[in-house]
Amino acid sequence: MSKKRNVSDSGTGRTPLWAQRIIAAHLAVTDAVSHGGRIQSDRYLVWQEDGANDFEAGGIHAEKVVTGSTDLFTKQEFDPWRDELEAAFDAAEVVWSLNSCQFEEETGFWHYEWDWEVFA
């Protein structure tokens, strides 16, 4: 289990602008947020970047886009954080889609997963 941490704690001292937008969207919902690691809690968000979806033109990356995902783990059925996160993504102009929602019987968690894209 890892403790709650943000990108800015990575030791680089610099948080990219795209990551600042993603972090702000999550923090608009809760401070129970982790970048890539689980939190010991009954309710938390985990986000991670996983690639790019750049627009290429003339042999160059004309527009850079970072892709990623966010997972909500919660013991609450119909958790209001779902709607709050989607509204926060919209407000931050993050393109998103709800990819899945399932109940994990072995842990008792509801697990929601969103895919998202943000300009870099």
Protein backbone atom coordinates (compact mmCIF):
# COMPACT_ATOMS: atom_id res chain seq x y z
CA MET A 1 0.00 0.00 0.00
CA SER A 2 1.36 3.39 -0.87
CA LYS A 3 0.53 6.60 0.86
CA LYS A 4 -1.35 9.44 -0.79
CA ARG A 5 0.95 11.42 -3.09
CA ASN A 6 0.83 13.90 -5.95
CA VAL A 7 2.95 14.27 -9.07
CA SER A 8 4.69 17.28 -7.53
CA ASP A 9 6.10 14.93 -4.85
CA SER A 10 8.00 13.01 -7.53
CA GLY A 11 11.27 14.81 -6.83
CA THR A 12 11.41 16.70 -10.12
CA GLY A 13 10.16 19.95 -8.60
CA ARG A 14 8.14 20.61 -11.78
CA THR A 15 4.57 19.57 -12.44
CA PRO A 16 3.57 19.76 -16.14
CA LEU A 17 0.59 21.99 -16.93
CA TRP A 18 -1.49 19.05 -18.16
CA ALA A 19 -0.89 17.28 -14.82
CA GLN A 20 -1.83 20.41 -12.89
CA ARG A 21 -5.20 20.39 -14.68
CA ILE A 22 -5.76 16.70 -13.95
CA ILE A 23 -4.75 17.10 -10.30
CA ALA A 24 -7.02 20.15 -9.89
CA ALA A 25 -10.00 18.25 -11.36
CA HIS A 26 -9.50 15.43 -8.85
CA LEU A 27 -8.93 17.78 -5.92
CA ALA A 28 -12.19 19.56 -6.78
CA VAL A 29 -13.87 16.33 -5.62
CA THR A 30 -11.66 15.16 -2.74
CA ASP A 31 -8.15 15.20 -1.33
CA ALA A 32 -8.26 11.37 -1.12
CA VAL A 33 -6.36 11.19 -4.43
CA SER A 34 -3.28 9.25 -5.44
CA HIS A 35 -1.12 9.28 -8.54
CA GLY A 36 -0.79 5.60 -9.38
CA GLY A 37 -1.05 4.06 -5.92
CA ARG A 38 -3.71 2.62 -3.69
CA ILE A 39 -4.83 4.45 -0.52
CA GLN A 40 -5.96 2.75 2.68
CA SER A 41 -9.50 4.13 2.65
CA ASP A 42 -13.09 3.11 1.92
CA ARG A 43 -13.31 5.83 -0.72
CA TYR A 44 -10.58 7.27 -2.96
CA LEU A 45 -9.46 8.19 -6.48
CA VAL A 46 -6.35 6.95 -8.29
CA TRP A 47 -5.18 8.47 -11.56
CA GLN A 48 -2.36 7.67 -13.96
CA GLU A 49 -1.20 8.76 -17.36
CA ASP A 50 -0.74 5.95 -19.85
CA GLY A 51 0.14 7.33 -23.27
CA ALA A 52 -0.42 9.92 -25.94
CA ASN A 53 -2.89 10.66 -28.72
CA ASP A 54 -1.00 13.38 -30.57
CA PHE A 55 -2.17 15.05 -33.77
CA GLU A 56 0.60 14.75 -36.32
CA ALA A 57 0.90 17.06 -39.32
CA GLY A 58 3.80 17.73 -41.64
CA GLY A 59 5.90 15.09 -39.93
CA ILE A 60 5.69 16.73 -36.50
CA HIS A 61 3.50 16.40 -33.42
CA ALA A 62 1.38 19.49 -34.05
CA GLU A 63 -0.81 19.02 -30.96
CA LYS A 64 0.25 16.89 -28.00
CA VAL A 65 -2.31 15.05 -25.91
CA VAL A 66 -1.74 12.96 -22.78
CA THR A 67 -4.08 10.03 -22.20
CA GLY A 68 -4.79 8.44 -18.86
CA SER A 69 -7.35 6.94 -16.56
CA THR A 70 -8.92 7.51 -13.19
CA ASP A 71 -10.33 4.87 -10.88
CA LEU A 72 -12.83 5.50 -8.10
CA PHE A 73 -12.88 2.86 -5.39
CA THR A 74 -15.81 3.25 -3.01
CA LYS A 75 -17.94 1.26 -0.61
CA GLN A 76 -20.91 3.54 -1.43
CA GLU A 77 -23.35 2.34 -4.04
CA PHE A 78 -24.31 5.27 -6.33
CA ASP A 79 -21.45 7.37 -4.94
CA PRO A 80 -21.96 11.11 -5.64
CA TRP A 81 -18.23 11.45 -6.39
CA ARG A 82 -18.99 9.89 -9.78
CA ASP A 83 -21.06 12.89 -10.89
CA GLU A 84 -18.73 15.33 -9.14
CA LEU A 85 -15.66 13.98 -10.95
CA GLU A 86 -17.39 14.10 -14.31
CA ALA A 87 -18.42 17.73 -13.66
CA ALA A 88 -14.85 18.56 -12.59
CA PHE A 89 -13.47 17.00 -15.79
CA ASP A 90 -15.94 19.08 -17.83
CA ALA A 91 -14.99 22.28 -15.97
CA ALA A 92 -11.27 21.58 -16.58
CA GLU A 93 -11.95 20.85 -20.28
CA VAL A 94 -10.73 17.28 -19.93
CA VAL A 95 -12.15 14.89 -22.54
CA TRP A 96 -13.42 11.79 -20.71
CA SER A 97 -15.53 8.66 -20.99
CA LEU A 98 -16.79 6.31 -18.31
CA ASN A 99 -15.18 3.02 -19.28
CA SER A 100 -16.59 0.63 -16.68
CA CYS A 101 -18.35 0.18 -13.37
CA GLN A 102 -18.35 -3.05 -11.44
CA PHE A 103 -18.79 -4.39 -7.94
CA GLU A 104 -15.76 -6.31 -6.71
CA GLU A 105 -17.14 -9.01 -4.43
CA GLU A 106 -13.77 -9.98 -2.97
CA THR A 107 -13.09 -6.44 -1.66
CA GLY A 108 -16.61 -5.02 -1.31
CA PHE A 109 -15.63 -2.00 -3.45
CA TRP A 110 -17.55 -0.42 -6.28
CA HIS A 111 -14.95 0.32 -8.95
CA TYR A 112 -15.54 3.01 -11.57
CA GLU A 113 -12.99 3.66 -14.32
CA TRP A 114 -12.75 6.67 -16.61
CA ASP A 115 -10.44 7.19 -19.58
CA TRP A 116 -9.41 10.79 -20.23
CA GLU A 117 -7.35 12.97 -22.56
CA VAL A 118 -5.87 16.41 -21.97
CA PHE A 119 -3.78 18.73 -24.14
CA ALA A 120 -0.12 18.74 -23.10
